[in-house]
């Protein structure tokens, strides 16, 4: 099968993520002497990553956010009492895989004073 035929087949199967990374993955597989299963796992993971990214972009577009902010953009000087390390841990979602709960405690409102506390519930 030629590259053009393969590209056409990938388009018909709607595997655009795989199509974008295939040439690089083929070189990587040859250089690393990957087995068929390992190669298949890599290219399918590429496709999943592209689909997840596309889904996230669509959700952001549909939500019509005025601007996106990340934790890296957050001004931690705004409230120095915020537990930065714990907030980043919470954002990583580790509590979900550990099947534990996360609970924010603090006064109602903006949470500016006296900084909210993050409690872990086992």
PDB file of N, CA and C in Angstrom:
ATOM      1  N   UNK A   1       0.849  -1.175   0.000  1.00  0.00           N
ATOM      2  CA  UNK A   1       0.000   0.000   0.000  1.00  0.00           C
ATOM      3  C   UNK A   1       0.894   1.238   0.000  1.00  0.00           C
ATOM      4  N   UNK A   2       0.619   2.143  -0.893  1.00  0.00           N
ATOM      5  CA  UNK A   2       1.413   3.371  -0.974  1.00  0.00           C
ATOM      6  C   UNK A   2       0.991   4.344   0.127  1.00  0.00           C
ATOM      7  N   UNK A   3       1.812   5.356   0.311  1.00  0.00           N
ATOM      8  CA  UNK A   3       1.517   6.374   1.322  1.00  0.00           C
ATOM      9  C   UNK A   3       0.210   7.088   0.996  1.00  0.00           C
ATOM     10  N   UNK A   4      -0.017   7.373  -0.278  1.00  0.00           N
ATOM     11  CA  UNK A   4      -1.248   8.051  -0.695  1.00  0.00           C
ATOM     12  C   UNK A   4      -2.472   7.188  -0.390  1.00  0.00           C
ATOM     13  N   UNK A   5      -2.356   5.887  -0.658  1.00  0.00           N
ATOM     14  CA  UNK A   5      -3.464   4.979  -0.376  1.00  0.00           C
ATOM     15  C   UNK A   5      -3.709   4.890   1.143  1.00  0.00           C
ATOM     16  N   UNK A   6      -2.635   4.846   1.891  1.00  0.00           N
ATOM     17  CA  UNK A   6      -2.751   4.771   3.337  1.00  0.00           C
ATOM     18  C   UNK A   6      -3.397   6.042   3.894  1.00  0.00           C
ATOM     19  N   UNK A   7      -2.977   7.197   3.387  1.00  0.00           N
ATOM     20  CA  UNK A   7      -3.577   8.465   3.811  1.00  0.00           C
ATOM     21  C   UNK A   7      -5.069   8.500   3.489  1.00  0.00           C
ATOM     22  N   UNK A   8      -5.428   8.016   2.311  1.00  0.00           N
ATOM     23  CA  UNK A   8      -6.829   7.973   1.917  1.00  0.00           C
ATOM     24  C   UNK A   8      -7.632   7.063   2.842  1.00  0.00           C
ATOM     25  N   UNK A   9      -7.085   5.917   3.163  1.00  0.00           N
ATOM     26  CA  UNK A   9      -7.758   4.970   4.053  1.00  0.00           C
ATOM     27  C   UNK A   9      -7.933   5.564   5.453  1.00  0.00           C
ATOM     28  N   UNK A  10      -6.901   6.232   5.946  1.00  0.00           N
ATOM     29  CA  UNK A  10      -6.986   6.856   7.263  1.00  0.00           C
ATOM     30  C   UNK A  10      -8.044   7.956   7.286  1.00  0.00           C
ATOM     31  N   UNK A  11      -8.158   8.712   6.198  1.00  0.00           N
ATOM     32  CA  UNK A  11      -9.187   9.750   6.106  1.00  0.00           C
ATOM     33  C   UNK A  11     -10.573   9.122   6.102  1.00  0.00           C
ATOM     34  N   UNK A  12     -10.730   8.026   5.349  1.00  0.00           N
ATOM     35  CA  UNK A  12     -12.032   7.350   5.295  1.00  0.00           C
ATOM     36  C   UNK A  12     -12.424   6.808   6.668  1.00  0.00           C
ATOM     37  N   UNK A  13     -11.448   6.348   7.413  1.00  0.00           N
ATOM     38  CA  UNK A  13     -11.710   5.825   8.755  1.00  0.00           C
ATOM     39  C   UNK A  13     -11.759   6.923   9.810  1.00  0.00           C
ATOM     40  N   UNK A  14     -11.533   8.154   9.370  1.00  0.00           N
ATOM     41  CA  UNK A  14     -11.518   9.315  10.263  1.00  0.00           C
ATOM     42  C   UNK A  14     -10.490   9.158  11.379  1.00  0.00           C
ATOM     43  N   UNK A  15      -9.286   8.813  10.968  1.00  0.00           N
ATOM     44  CA  UNK A  15      -8.162   8.658  11.887  1.00  0.00           C
ATOM     45  C   UNK A  15      -7.122   9.736  11.589  1.00  0.00           C
ATOM     46  N   UNK A  16      -7.540  10.989  11.715  1.00  0.00           N
ATOM     47  CA  UNK A  16      -6.657  12.101  11.350  1.00  0.00           C
ATOM     48  C   UNK A  16      -5.453  12.207  12.277  1.00  0.00           C
ATOM     49  N   UNK A  17      -5.631  11.913  13.546  1.00  0.00           N
ATOM     50  CA  UNK A  17      -4.509  11.973  14.489  1.00  0.00           C
ATOM     51  C   UNK A  17      -3.440  10.960  14.138  1.00  0.00           C
ATOM     52  N   UNK A  18      -3.875   9.787  13.778  1.00  0.00           N
ATOM     53  CA  UNK A  18      -2.943   8.746  13.369  1.00  0.00           C
ATOM     54  C   UNK A  18      -2.234   9.140  12.085  1.00  0.00           C
ATOM     55  N   UNK A  19      -2.989   9.747  11.159  1.00  0.00           N
ATOM     56  CA  UNK A  19      -2.404  10.170   9.885  1.00  0.00           C
ATOM     57  C   UNK A  19      -1.314  11.206  10.061  1.00  0.00           C
ATOM     58  N   UNK A  20      -1.495  12.117  11.035  1.00  0.00           N
ATOM     59  CA  UNK A  20      -0.501  13.171  11.261  1.00  0.00           C
ATOM     60  C   UNK A  20       0.800  12.635  11.836  1.00  0.00           C
ATOM     61  N   UNK A  21       0.709  11.598  12.651  1.00  0.00           N
ATOM     62  CA  UNK A  21       1.910  11.127  13.346  1.00  0.00           C
ATOM     63  C   UNK A  21       2.499   9.852  12.743  1.00  0.00           C
ATOM     64  N   UNK A  22       1.858   9.292  11.747  1.00  0.00           N
ATOM     65  CA  UNK A  22       2.272   7.989  11.238  1.00  0.00           C
ATOM     66  C   UNK A  22       3.703   7.954  10.724  1.00  0.00           C
ATOM     67  N   UNK A  23       4.106   8.929   9.931  1.00  0.00           N
ATOM     68  CA  UNK A  23       5.455   8.885   9.350  1.00  0.00           C
ATOM     69  C   UNK A  23       6.519   8.946  10.446  1.00  0.00           C
ATOM     70  N   UNK A  24       6.286   9.778  11.452  1.00  0.00           N
ATOM     71  CA  UNK A  24       7.246   9.872  12.564  1.00  0.00           C
ATOM     72  C   UNK A  24       7.263   8.572  13.355  1.00  0.00           C
ATOM     73  N   UNK A  25       6.082   8.019  13.592  1.00  0.00           N
ATOM     74  CA  UNK A  25       5.998   6.762  14.356  1.00  0.00           C
ATOM     75  C   UNK A  25       6.614   5.591  13.590  1.00  0.00           C
ATOM     76  N   UNK A  26       6.495   5.591  12.265  1.00  0.00           N
ATOM     77  CA  UNK A  26       7.122   4.532  11.471  1.00  0.00           C
ATOM     78  C   UNK A  26       8.646   4.592  11.606  1.00  0.00           C
ATOM     79  N   UNK A  27       9.198   5.807  11.555  1.00  0.00           N
ATOM     80  CA  UNK A  27      10.644   5.969  11.726  1.00  0.00           C
ATOM     81  C   UNK A  27      11.067   5.544  13.133  1.00  0.00           C
ATOM     82  N   UNK A  28      10.274   5.956  14.112  1.00  0.00           N
ATOM     83  CA  UNK A  28      10.571   5.605  15.504  1.00  0.00           C
ATOM     84  C   UNK A  28      10.519   4.091  15.706  1.00  0.00           C
ATOM     85  N   UNK A  29       9.538   3.442  15.097  1.00  0.00           N
ATOM     86  CA  UNK A  29       9.393   1.991  15.232  1.00  0.00           C
ATOM     87  C   UNK A  29      10.580   1.263  14.606  1.00  0.00           C
ATOM     88  N   UNK A  30      11.028   1.751  13.453  1.00  0.00           N
ATOM     89  CA  UNK A  30      12.169   1.121  12.791  1.00  0.00           C
ATOM     90  C   UNK A  30      13.441   1.319  13.607  1.00  0.00           C
ATOM     91  N   UNK A  31      13.639   2.542  14.119  1.00  0.00           N
ATOM     92  CA  UNK A  31      14.854   2.836  14.883  1.00  0.00           C
ATOM     93  C   UNK A  31      14.887   2.092  16.219  1.00  0.00           C
ATOM     94  N   UNK A  32      13.726   1.941  16.840  1.00  0.00           N
ATOM     95  CA  UNK A  32      13.671   1.302  18.162  1.00  0.00           C
ATOM     96  C   UNK A  32      13.339  -0.177  18.083  1.00  0.00           C
ATOM     97  N   UNK A  33      13.140  -0.651  16.865  1.00  0.00           N
ATOM     98  CA  UNK A  33      12.776  -2.056  16.648  1.00  0.00           C
ATOM     99  C   UNK A  33      11.570  -2.454  17.490  1.00  0.00           C
ATOM    100  N   UNK A  34      10.523  -1.636  17.382  1.00  0.00           N
ATOM    101  CA  UNK A  34       9.297  -1.902  18.132  1.00  0.00           C
ATOM    102  C   UNK A  34       8.552  -3.080  17.523  1.00  0.00           C
ATOM    103  N   UNK A  35       7.933  -3.844  18.371  1.00  0.00           N
ATOM    104  CA  UNK A  35       7.081  -4.931  17.902  1.00  0.00           C
ATOM    105  C   UNK A  35       5.776  -4.372  17.364  1.00  0.00           C
ATOM    106  N   UNK A  36       5.018  -5.228  16.687  1.00  0.00           N
ATOM    107  CA  UNK A  36       3.758  -4.782  16.096  1.00  0.00           C
ATOM    108  C   UNK A  36       2.812  -4.233  17.163  1.00  0.00           C
ATOM    109  N   UNK A  37       2.707  -4.915  18.271  1.00  0.00           N
ATOM    110  CA  UNK A  37       1.808  -4.484  19.334  1.00  0.00           C
ATOM    111  C   UNK A  37       2.203  -3.140  19.911  1.00  0.00           C
ATOM    112  N   UNK A  38       3.506  -2.946  20.130  1.00  0.00           N
ATOM    113  CA  UNK A  38       3.995  -1.672  20.679  1.00  0.00           C
ATOM    114  C   UNK A  38       3.736  -0.530  19.697  1.00  0.00           C
ATOM    115  N   UNK A  39       3.978  -0.801  18.424  1.00  0.00           N
ATOM    116  CA  UNK A  39       3.744   0.210  17.391  1.00  0.00           C
ATOM    117  C   UNK A  39       2.264   0.566  17.324  1.00  0.00           C
ATOM    118  N   UNK A  40       1.414  -0.445  17.332  1.00  0.00           N
ATOM    119  CA  UNK A  40      -0.021  -0.215  17.274  1.00  0.00           C
ATOM    120  C   UNK A  40      -0.486   0.593  18.487  1.00  0.00           C
ATOM    121  N   UNK A  41       0.038   0.269  19.641  1.00  0.00           N
ATOM    122  CA  UNK A  41      -0.316   1.010  20.857  1.00  0.00           C
ATOM    123  C   UNK A  41       0.068   2.487  20.731  1.00  0.00           C
ATOM    124  N   UNK A  42       1.250   2.774  20.205  1.00  0.00           N
ATOM    125  CA  UNK A  42       1.704   4.156  20.033  1.00  0.00           C
ATOM    126  C   UNK A  42       0.805   4.946  19.086  1.00  0.00           C
ATOM    127  N   UNK A  43       0.503   4.376  17.922  1.00  0.00           N
ATOM    128  CA  UNK A  43      -0.275   5.141  16.953  1.00  0.00           C
ATOM    129  C   UNK A  43      -1.731   5.298  17.402  1.00  0.00           C
ATOM    130  N   UNK A  44      -2.261   4.307  18.095  1.00  0.00           N
ATOM    131  CA  UNK A  44      -3.624   4.443  18.598  1.00  0.00           C
ATOM    132  C   UNK A  44      -3.679   5.475  19.724  1.00  0.00           C
ATOM    133  N   UNK A  45      -2.640   5.539  20.534  1.00  0.00           N
ATOM    134  CA  UNK A  45      -2.580   6.549  21.590  1.00  0.00           C
ATOM    135  C   UNK A  45      -2.495   7.951  20.975  1.00  0.00           C
ATOM    136  N   UNK A  46      -1.761   8.079  19.872  1.00  0.00           N
ATOM    137  CA  UNK A  46      -1.712   9.362  19.160  1.00  0.00           C
ATOM    138  C   UNK A  46      -3.116   9.782  18.721  1.00  0.00           C
ATOM    139  N   UNK A  47      -3.871   8.835  18.179  1.00  0.00           N
ATOM    140  CA  UNK A  47      -5.233   9.131  17.728  1.00  0.00           C
ATOM    141  C   UNK A  47      -6.109   9.541  18.909  1.00  0.00           C
ATOM    142  N   UNK A  48      -6.007   8.826  20.010  1.00  0.00           N
ATOM    143  CA  UNK A  48      -6.786   9.182  21.198  1.00  0.00           C
ATOM    144  C   UNK A  48      -6.432  10.574  21.709  1.00  0.00           C
ATOM    145  N   UNK A  49      -5.152  10.907  21.717  1.00  0.00           N
ATOM    146  CA  UNK A  49      -4.717  12.225  22.170  1.00  0.00           C
ATOM    147  C   UNK A  49      -5.297  13.336  21.306  1.00  0.00           C
ATOM    148  N   UNK A  50      -5.286  13.132  19.991  1.00  0.00           N
ATOM    149  CA  UNK A  50      -5.836  14.136  19.078  1.00  0.00           C
ATOM    150  C   UNK A  50      -7.335  14.284  19.312  1.00  0.00           C
ATOM    151  N   UNK A  51      -8.030  13.174  19.512  1.00  0.00           N
ATOM    152  CA  UNK A  51      -9.478  13.235  19.742  1.00  0.00           C
ATOM    153  C   UNK A  51      -9.807  13.925  21.063  1.00  0.00           C
ATOM    154  N   UNK A  52      -9.027  13.622  22.096  1.00  0.00           N
ATOM    155  CA  UNK A  52      -9.260  14.274  23.388  1.00  0.00           C
ATOM    156  C   UNK A  52      -9.010  15.767  23.290  1.00  0.00           C
ATOM    157  N   UNK A  53      -7.968  16.162  22.579  1.00  0.00           N
ATOM    158  CA  UNK A  53      -7.663  17.581  22.404  1.00  0.00           C
ATOM    159  C   UNK A  53      -8.770  18.271  21.617  1.00  0.00           C
ATOM    160  N   UNK A  54      -9.250  17.616  20.568  1.00  0.00           N
ATOM    161  CA  UNK A  54     -10.335  18.173  19.757  1.00  0.00           C
ATOM    162  C   UNK A  54     -11.610  18.317  20.596  1.00  0.00           C
ATOM    163  N   UNK A  55     -11.911  17.328  21.426  1.00  0.00           N
ATOM    164  CA  UNK A  55     -13.082  17.385  22.294  1.00  0.00           C
ATOM    165  C   UNK A  55     -12.974  18.548  23.278  1.00  0.00           C
ATOM    166  N   UNK A  56     -11.804  18.726  23.856  1.00  0.00           N
ATOM    167  CA  UNK A  56     -11.576  19.827  24.779  1.00  0.00           C
ATOM    168  C   UNK A  56     -11.749  21.175  24.079  1.00  0.00           C
ATOM    169  N   UNK A  57     -11.190  21.294  22.874  1.00  0.00           N
ATOM    170  CA  UNK A  57     -11.324  22.542  22.115  1.00  0.00           C
ATOM    171  C   UNK A  57     -12.792  22.825  21.788  1.00  0.00           C
ATOM    172  N   UNK A  58     -13.536  21.798  21.413  1.00  0.00           N
ATOM    173  CA  UNK A  58     -14.958  21.987  21.119  1.00  0.00           C
ATOM    174  C   UNK A  58     -15.723  22.421  22.364  1.00  0.00           C
ATOM    175  N   UNK A  59     -15.415  21.817  23.491  1.00  0.00           N
ATOM    176  CA  UNK A  59     -16.085  22.198  24.739  1.00  0.00           C
ATOM    177  C   UNK A  59     -15.768  23.636  25.118  1.00  0.00           C
ATOM    178  N   UNK A  60     -14.529  24.054  24.929  1.00  0.00           N
ATOM    179  CA  UNK A  60     -14.161  25.443  25.222  1.00  0.00           C
ATOM    180  C   UNK A  60     -14.913  26.396  24.298  1.00  0.00           C
ATOM    181  N   UNK A  61     -15.004  26.029  23.035  1.00  0.00           N
ATOM    182  CA  UNK A  61     -15.707  26.880  22.069  1.00  0.00           C
ATOM    183  C   UNK A  61     -17.188  26.976  22.424  1.00  0.00           C
ATOM    184  N   UNK A  62     -17.818  25.855  22.745  1.00  0.00           N
ATOM    185  CA  UNK A  62     -19.237  25.862  23.088  1.00  0.00           C
ATOM    186  C   UNK A  62     -19.513  26.605  24.392  1.00  0.00           C
ATOM    187  N   UNK A  63     -18.579  26.585  25.313  1.00  0.00           N
ATOM    188  CA  UNK A  63     -18.748  27.285  26.580  1.00  0.00           C
ATOM    189  C   UNK A  63     -18.637  28.793  26.403  1.00  0.00           C
ATOM    190  N   UNK A  64     -18.093  29.231  25.295  1.00  0.00           N
ATOM    191  CA  UNK A  64     -17.935  30.649  24.961  1.00  0.00           C
ATOM    192  C   UNK A  64     -17.217  31.424  26.070  1.00  0.00           C
ATOM    193  N   UNK A  65     -16.133  30.862  26.553  1.00  0.00           N
ATOM    194  CA  UNK A  65     -15.324  31.557  27.550  1.00  0.00           C
ATOM    195  C   UNK A  65     -14.760  32.830  26.944  1.00  0.00           C
ATOM    196  N   UNK A  66     -14.757  33.902  27.720  1.00  0.00           N
ATOM    197  CA  UNK A  66     -14.173  35.155  27.243  1.00  0.00           C
ATOM    198  C   UNK A  66     -12.654  35.039  27.172  1.00  0.00           C
ATOM    199  N   UNK A  67     -12.084  34.353  28.083  1.00  0.00           N
ATOM    200  CA  UNK A  67     -10.645  34.141  28.110  1.00  0.00           C
ATOM    201  C   UNK A  67     -10.337  32.951  28.989  1.00  0.00           C
ATOM    202  N   UNK A  68      -9.310  32.245  28.666  1.00  0.00           N
ATOM    203  CA  UNK A  68      -8.949  31.070  29.454  1.00  0.00           C
ATOM    204  C   UNK A  68      -7.790  31.397  30.375  1.00  0.00           C
ATOM    205  N   UNK A  69      -7.892  30.950  31.582  1.00  0.00           N
ATOM    206  CA  UNK A  69      -6.836  31.149  32.568  1.00  0.00           C
ATOM    207  C   UNK A  69      -6.358  29.779  33.032  1.00  0.00           C
ATOM    208  N   UNK A  70      -5.083  29.679  33.253  1.00  0.00           N
ATOM    209  CA  UNK A  70      -4.518  28.445  33.788  1.00  0.00           C
ATOM    210  C   UNK A  70      -3.947  28.728  35.170  1.00  0.00           C
ATOM    211  N   UNK A  71      -3.651  27.672  35.901  1.00  0.00           N
ATOM    212  CA  UNK A  71      -3.025  27.864  37.206  1.00  0.00           C
ATOM    213  C   UNK A  71      -1.664  28.528  37.074  1.00  0.00           C
ATOM    214  N   UNK A  72      -0.989  28.288  35.971  1.00  0.00           N
ATOM    215  CA  UNK A  72       0.312  28.923  35.746  1.00  0.00           C
ATOM    216  C   UNK A  72       0.166  30.439  35.596  1.00  0.00           C
ATOM    217  N   UNK A  73      -1.007  30.885  35.103  1.00  0.00           N
ATOM    218  CA  UNK A  73      -1.257  32.313  34.919  1.00  0.00           C
ATOM    219  C   UNK A  73      -1.764  32.999  36.190  1.00  0.00           C
ATOM    220  N   UNK A  74      -2.153  32.210  37.177  1.00  0.00           N
ATOM    221  CA  UNK A  74      -2.774  32.768  38.380  1.00  0.00           C
ATOM    222  C   UNK A  74      -1.773  33.598  39.185  1.00  0.00           C
ATOM    223  N   UNK A  75      -2.231  34.740  39.690  1.00  0.00           N
ATOM    224  CA  UNK A  75      -1.385  35.607  40.511  1.00  0.00           C
ATOM    225  C   UNK A  75      -1.485  35.140  41.961  1.00  0.00           C
ATOM    226  N   UNK A  76      -0.533  34.349  42.373  1.00  0.00           N
ATOM    227  CA  UNK A  76      -0.547  33.776  43.719  1.00  0.00           C
ATOM    228  C   UNK A  76      -0.301  34.839  44.786  1.00  0.00           C
ATOM    229  N   UNK A  77       0.161  36.013  44.393  1.00  0.00           N
ATOM    230  CA  UNK A  77       0.359  37.098  45.353  1.00  0.00           C
ATOM    231  C   UNK A  77      -0.970  37.691  45.793  1.00  0.00           C
ATOM    232  N   UNK A  78      -2.027  37.442  45.013  1.00  0.00           N
ATOM    233  CA  UNK A  78      -3.359  37.962  45.309  1.00  0.00           C
ATOM    234  C   UNK A  78      -3.798  37.529  46.710  1.00  0.00           C
ATOM    235  N   UNK A  79      -3.581  36.288  47.031  1.00  0.00           N
ATOM    236  CA  UNK A  79      -3.888  35.767  48.362  1.00  0.00           C
ATOM    237  C   UNK A  79      -2.782  34.787  48.734  1.00  0.00           C
ATOM    238  N   UNK A  80      -1.769  35.249  49.444  1.00  0.00           N
ATOM    239  CA  UNK A  80      -0.633  34.391  49.766  1.00  0.00           C
ATOM    240  C   UNK A  80      -0.988  33.223  50.678  1.00  0.00           C
ATOM    241  N   UNK A  81      -2.180  33.250  51.260  1.00  0.00           N
ATOM    242  CA  UNK A  81      -2.585  32.151  52.143  1.00  0.00           C
ATOM    243  C   UNK A  81      -3.081  30.935  51.369  1.00  0.00           C
ATOM    244  N   UNK A  82      -3.303  31.098  50.091  1.00  0.00           N
ATOM    245  CA  UNK A  82      -3.761  29.955  49.292  1.00  0.00           C
ATOM    246  C   UNK A  82      -2.683  28.878  49.268  1.00  0.00           C
ATOM    247  N   UNK A  83      -3.072  27.630  49.506  1.00  0.00           N
ATOM    248  CA  UNK A  83      -2.093  26.535  49.508  1.00  0.00           C
ATOM    249  C   UNK A  83      -1.743  26.108  48.077  1.00  0.00           C
ATOM    250  N   UNK A  84      -0.761  26.760  47.491  1.00  0.00           N
ATOM    251  CA  UNK A  84      -0.405  26.562  46.082  1.00  0.00           C
ATOM    252  C   UNK A  84      -0.144  25.093  45.763  1.00  0.00           C
ATOM    253  N   UNK A  85       0.664  24.442  46.564  1.00  0.00           N
ATOM    254  CA  UNK A  85       1.015  23.036  46.304  1.00  0.00           C
ATOM    255  C   UNK A  85      -0.239  22.166  46.305  1.00  0.00           C
ATOM    256  N   UNK A  86      -1.119  22.381  47.262  1.00  0.00           N
ATOM    257  CA  UNK A  86      -2.330  21.571  47.342  1.00  0.00           C
ATOM    258  C   UNK A  86      -3.282  21.849  46.177  1.00  0.00           C
ATOM    259  N   UNK A  87      -3.331  23.091  45.728  1.00  0.00           N
ATOM    260  CA  UNK A  87      -4.181  23.432  44.592  1.00  0.00           C
ATOM    261  C   UNK A  87      -3.685  22.724  43.331  1.00  0.00           C
ATOM    262  N   UNK A  88      -2.379  22.707  43.115  1.00  0.00           N
ATOM    263  CA  UNK A  88      -1.814  22.009  41.958  1.00  0.00           C
ATOM    264  C   UNK A  88      -2.062  20.502  42.058  1.00  0.00           C
ATOM    265  N   UNK A  89      -1.964  19.952  43.265  1.00  0.00           N
ATOM    266  CA  UNK A  89      -2.252  18.529  43.448  1.00  0.00           C
ATOM    267  C   UNK A  89      -3.707  18.230  43.130  1.00  0.00           C
ATOM    268  N   UNK A  90      -4.591  19.124  43.564  1.00  0.00           N
ATOM    269  CA  UNK A  90      -6.011  18.957  43.282  1.00  0.00           C
ATOM    270  C   UNK A  90      -6.264  19.010  41.777  1.00  0.00           C
ATOM    271  N   UNK A  91      -5.626  19.951  41.094  1.00  0.00           N
ATOM    272  CA  UNK A  91      -5.796  20.102  39.648  1.00  0.00           C
ATOM    273  C   UNK A  91      -5.293  18.868  38.896  1.00  0.00           C
ATOM    274  N   UNK A  92      -4.308  18.175  39.447  1.00  0.00           N
ATOM    275  CA  UNK A  92      -3.784  16.969  38.799  1.00  0.00           C
ATOM    276  C   UNK A  92      -4.788  15.824  38.851  1.00  0.00           C
ATOM    277  N   UNK A  93      -5.761  15.919  39.766  1.00  0.00           N
ATOM    278  CA  UNK A  93      -6.802  14.895  39.840  1.00  0.00           C
ATOM    279  C   UNK A  93      -6.394  13.597  40.504  1.00  0.00           C
ATOM    280  N   UNK A  94      -5.296  13.609  41.221  1.00  0.00           N
ATOM    281  CA  UNK A  94      -4.823  12.385  41.870  1.00  0.00           C
ATOM    282  C   UNK A  94      -5.860  11.856  42.865  1.00  0.00           C
ATOM    283  N   UNK A  95      -6.604  12.763  43.495  1.00  0.00           N
ATOM    284  CA  UNK A  95      -7.612  12.347  44.463  1.00  0.00           C
ATOM    285  C   UNK A  95      -8.683  11.468  43.808  1.00  0.00           C
ATOM    286  N   UNK A  96      -8.895  11.642  42.512  1.00  0.00           N
ATOM    287  CA  UNK A  96      -9.893  10.839  41.800  1.00  0.00           C
ATOM    288  C   UNK A  96      -9.400   9.407  41.653  1.00  0.00           C
ATOM    289  N   UNK A  97      -8.154   9.236  41.215  1.00  0.00           N
ATOM    290  CA  UNK A  97      -7.619   7.881  41.042  1.00  0.00           C
ATOM    291  C   UNK A  97      -7.431   7.178  42.378  1.00  0.00           C
ATOM    292  N   UNK A  98      -7.239   7.964  43.439  1.00  0.00           N
ATOM    293  CA  UNK A  98      -7.098   7.377  44.777  1.00  0.00           C
ATOM    294  C   UNK A  98      -8.451   7.135  45.437  1.00  0.00           C
ATOM    295  N   UNK A  99      -9.523   7.544  44.771  1.00  0.00           N
ATOM    296  CA  UNK A  99     -10.893   7.393  45.282  1.00  0.00           C
ATOM    297  C   UNK A  99     -11.068   8.062  46.640  1.00  0.00           C
ATOM    298  N   UNK A 100     -10.520   9.282  46.771  1.00  0.00           N
ATOM    299  CA  UNK A 100     -10.723  10.071  47.979  1.00  0.00           C
ATOM    300  C   UNK A 100     -11.482  11.340  47.604  1.00  0.00           C
ATOM    301  N   UNK A 101     -12.001  12.019  48.596  1.00  0.00           N
ATOM    302  CA  UNK A 101     -12.760  13.241  48.369  1.00  0.00           C
ATOM    303  C   UNK A 101     -11.894  14.453  48.647  1.00  0.00           C
ATOM    304  N   UNK A 102     -12.246  15.566  48.050  1.00  0.00           N
ATOM    305  CA  UNK A 102     -11.590  16.845  48.323  1.00  0.00           C
ATOM    306  C   UNK A 102     -12.670  17.829  48.732  1.00  0.00           C
ATOM    307  N   UNK A 103     -12.387  18.608  49.743  1.00  0.00           N
ATOM    308  CA  UNK A 103     -13.370  19.534  50.277  1.00  0.00           C
ATOM    309  C   UNK A 103     -12.702  20.865  50.584  1.00  0.00           C
ATOM    310  N   UNK A 104     -13.271  21.954  50.080  1.00  0.00           N
ATOM    311  CA  UNK A 104     -12.775  23.290  50.399  1.00  0.00           C
ATOM    312  C   UNK A 104     -13.580  23.833  51.569  1.00  0.00           C
ATOM    313  N   UNK A 105     -12.892  24.340  52.564  1.00  0.00           N
ATOM    314  CA  UNK A 105     -13.541  24.947  53.721  1.00  0.00           C
ATOM    315  C   UNK A 105     -13.148  26.404  53.802  1.00  0.00           C
ATOM    316  N   UNK A 106     -14.085  27.263  54.100  1.00  0.00           N
ATOM    317  CA  UNK A 106     -13.790  28.684  54.244  1.00  0.00           C
ATOM    318  C   UNK A 106     -15.060  29.484  54.225  1.00  0.00           C
ATOM    319  N   UNK A 107     -14.944  30.789  54.418  1.00  0.00           N
ATOM    320  CA  UNK A 107     -16.138  31.637  54.439  1.00  0.00           C
ATOM    321  C   UNK A 107     -16.754  31.732  53.047  1.00  0.00           C
ATOM    322  N   UNK A 108     -18.060  32.019  52.968  1.00  0.00           N
ATOM    323  CA  UNK A 108     -18.697  32.162  51.657  1.00  0.00           C
ATOM    324  C   UNK A 108     -18.214  33.427  50.957  1.00  0.00           C
ATOM    325  N   UNK A 109     -18.370  33.454  49.670  1.00  0.00           N
ATOM    326  CA  UNK A 109     -17.985  34.620  48.889  1.00  0.00           C
ATOM    327  C   UNK A 109     -16.796  34.335  48.011  1.00  0.00           C
ATOM    328  N   UNK A 110     -15.912  35.294  47.912  1.00  0.00           N
ATOM    329  CA  UNK A 110     -14.766  35.176  47.017  1.00  0.00           C
ATOM    330  C   UNK A 110     -13.650  34.321  47.578  1.00  0.00           C
ATOM    331  N   UNK A 111     -13.699  34.033  48.851  1.00  0.00           N
ATOM    332  CA  UNK A 111     -12.661  33.205  49.444  1.00  0.00           C
ATOM    333  C   UNK A 111     -11.347  33.920  49.589  1.00  0.00           C
ATOM    334  N   UNK A 112     -11.373  35.252  49.705  1.00  0.00           N
ATOM    335  CA  UNK A 112     -10.123  35.992  49.776  1.00  0.00           C
ATOM    336  C   UNK A 112      -9.552  36.056  51.176  1.00  0.00           C
ATOM    337  N   UNK A 113     -10.391  36.102  52.198  1.00  0.00           N
ATOM    338  CA  UNK A 113      -9.900  36.191  53.579  1.00  0.00           C
ATOM    339  C   UNK A 113     -10.738  35.318  54.463  1.00  0.00           C
ATOM    340  N   UNK A 114     -10.222  34.631  55.373  1.00  0.00           N
ATOM    341  CA  UNK A 114      -8.836  34.215  55.516  1.00  0.00           C
ATOM    342  C   UNK A 114      -8.616  33.037  54.627  1.00  0.00           C
ATOM    343  N   UNK A 115      -7.865  32.867  53.717  1.00  0.00           N
ATOM    344  CA  UNK A 115      -7.714  31.826  52.729  1.00  0.00           C
ATOM    345  C   UNK A 115      -8.425  30.520  52.985  1.00  0.00           C
ATOM    346  N   UNK A 116      -9.004  29.952  51.947  1.00  0.00           N
ATOM    347  CA  UNK A 116      -9.680  28.672  52.093  1.00  0.00           C
ATOM    348  C   UNK A 116      -8.675  27.559  52.404  1.00  0.00           C
ATOM    349  N   UNK A 117      -9.174  26.537  53.037  1.00  0.00           N
ATOM    350  CA  UNK A 117      -8.335  25.366  53.351  1.00  0.00           C
ATOM    351  C   UNK A 117      -8.833  24.203  52.511  1.00  0.00           C
ATOM    352  N   UNK A 118      -7.919  23.385  52.070  1.00  0.00           N
ATOM    353  CA  UNK A 118      -8.243  22.185  51.326  1.00  0.00           C
ATOM    354  C   UNK A 118      -8.103  21.009  52.277  1.00  0.00           C
ATOM    355  N   UNK A 119      -9.177  20.269  52.453  1.00  0.00           N
ATOM    356  CA  UNK A 119      -9.132  19.104  53.352  1.00  0.00           C
ATOM    357  C   UNK A 119      -9.297  17.856  52.516  1.00  0.00           C
ATOM    358  N   UNK A 120      -8.601  16.836  52.884  1.00  0.00           N
ATOM    359  CA  UNK A 120      -8.752  15.542  52.221  1.00  0.00           C
ATOM    360  C   UNK A 120      -9.554  14.649  53.133  1.00  0.00           C
ATOM    361  N   UNK A 121     -10.541  14.015  52.564  1.00  0.00           N
ATOM    362  CA  UNK A 121     -11.407  13.124  53.315  1.00  0.00           C
ATOM    363  C   UNK A 121     -11.124  11.712  52.838  1.00  0.00           C
ATOM    364  N   UNK A 122     -10.764  10.836  53.746  1.00  0.00           N
ATOM    365  CA  UNK A 122     -10.431   9.458  53.356  1.00  0.00           C
ATOM    366  C   UNK A 122     -11.658   8.637  53.130  1.00  0.00           C
TER     367      UNK A 122
END
